[in-house]
């Protein structure tokens, strides 16, 4: 199974790439985010909350253009070819 991850803003800067492909990986969105935090130390604590049970405040995660909160949250199943986008909130004026 292959899942494409698209990172925006400071998440992209932390990884050094806009797109990351995860092969033979996690089966759910939560497992994918946990995998990314372990694979890219600069992402640690920027995707999952301290308990690993939810998203950090201000992070929007979509699966094939649907917000995961409108699906099964972190328990949303992944399929081959899925695209997961991670967008942090933008603050400023």
Protein backbone atom coordinates (compact mmCIF):
# COMPACT_ATOMS: atom_id res chain seq x y z
CA UNK A 1 0.00 0.00 0.00
CA UNK A 2 1.23 3.48 -0.84
CA UNK A 3 -0.09 6.72 0.66
CA UNK A 4 0.95 10.21 -0.45
CA UNK A 5 1.32 12.87 2.25
CA UNK A 6 1.17 16.52 1.27
CA UNK A 7 2.54 18.98 3.83
CA UNK A 8 1.95 22.72 3.92
CA UNK A 9 3.63 25.70 5.60
CA UNK A 10 5.91 24.99 8.55
CA UNK A 11 5.26 21.24 8.27
CA UNK A 12 6.77 21.27 4.78
CA UNK A 13 9.72 23.26 6.08
CA UNK A 14 10.23 20.74 8.91
CA UNK A 15 10.38 17.82 6.47
CA UNK A 16 12.16 19.65 3.65
CA UNK A 17 9.69 18.40 1.04
CA UNK A 18 6.12 19.17 0.08
CA UNK A 19 5.24 15.54 -0.71
CA UNK A 20 6.23 12.37 1.10
CA UNK A 21 5.20 8.87 0.04
CA UNK A 22 4.77 6.20 2.70
CA UNK A 23 5.03 2.65 1.36
CA UNK A 24 3.69 -0.49 3.06
CA UNK A 25 2.78 1.64 6.00
CA UNK A 26 0.10 2.42 8.48
CA UNK A 27 -3.50 1.36 8.10
CA UNK A 28 -5.16 4.41 9.69
CA UNK A 29 -4.68 8.17 9.65
CA UNK A 30 -3.56 8.14 13.31
CA UNK A 31 -0.95 5.45 12.63
CA UNK A 32 0.26 7.44 9.61
CA UNK A 33 0.69 10.64 11.66
CA UNK A 34 2.51 8.70 14.38
CA UNK A 35 4.78 7.18 11.72
CA UNK A 36 5.55 10.63 10.26
CA UNK A 37 6.40 12.04 13.71
CA UNK A 38 8.85 9.17 14.27
CA UNK A 39 10.31 9.29 10.75
CA UNK A 40 10.78 13.08 10.80
CA UNK A 41 11.83 14.23 14.30
CA UNK A 42 11.11 17.88 13.41
CA UNK A 43 7.41 16.91 13.20
CA UNK A 44 7.29 15.44 16.72
CA UNK A 45 4.41 17.03 18.64
CA UNK A 46 3.23 18.95 15.60
CA UNK A 47 0.70 16.42 14.34
CA UNK A 48 -0.66 14.47 17.31
CA UNK A 49 -1.55 15.82 20.75
CA UNK A 50 0.49 14.78 23.81
CA UNK A 51 -1.56 11.63 24.37
CA UNK A 52 -1.57 10.68 20.71
CA UNK A 53 -5.36 10.53 20.83
CA UNK A 54 -6.16 13.61 18.74
CA UNK A 55 -4.77 16.19 16.38
CA UNK A 56 -2.84 19.16 17.73
CA UNK A 57 -4.91 22.34 17.87
CA UNK A 58 -5.12 24.13 14.56
CA UNK A 59 -4.09 21.20 12.34
CA UNK A 60 -6.41 20.26 9.49
CA UNK A 61 -5.95 16.78 8.04
CA UNK A 62 -7.84 15.71 4.94
CA UNK A 63 -8.08 12.35 3.23
CA UNK A 64 -8.83 12.68 -0.45
CA UNK A 65 -10.21 16.20 0.19
CA UNK A 66 -12.49 15.16 3.09
CA UNK A 67 -11.63 16.38 6.59
CA UNK A 68 -10.86 13.32 8.73
CA UNK A 69 -13.00 14.75 11.56
CA UNK A 70 -15.99 14.20 9.25
CA UNK A 71 -14.90 10.60 8.71
CA UNK A 72 -13.63 8.40 11.56
CA UNK A 73 -11.01 10.83 12.86
CA UNK A 74 -7.65 9.22 13.58
CA UNK A 75 -9.27 5.80 13.12
CA UNK A 76 -10.05 6.55 9.46
CA UNK A 77 -8.78 3.65 7.35
CA UNK A 78 -6.27 4.28 4.58
CA UNK A 79 -6.27 2.61 1.16
CA UNK A 80 -3.67 2.29 -1.54
CA UNK A 81 -3.35 5.54 -3.47
CA UNK A 82 -4.91 7.77 -0.80
CA UNK A 83 -3.70 11.35 -0.47
CA UNK A 84 -3.48 12.83 3.04
CA UNK A 85 -2.99 16.59 3.34
CA UNK A 86 -1.79 18.27 6.55
CA UNK A 87 -2.33 22.01 6.91
CA UNK A 88 -1.49 23.93 10.08
CA UNK A 89 -3.53 26.97 11.03
CA UNK A 90 -2.18 30.26 9.76
CA UNK A 91 -2.07 33.11 12.24
CA UNK A 92 -1.15 36.71 11.73
CA UNK A 93 -2.52 39.91 10.42
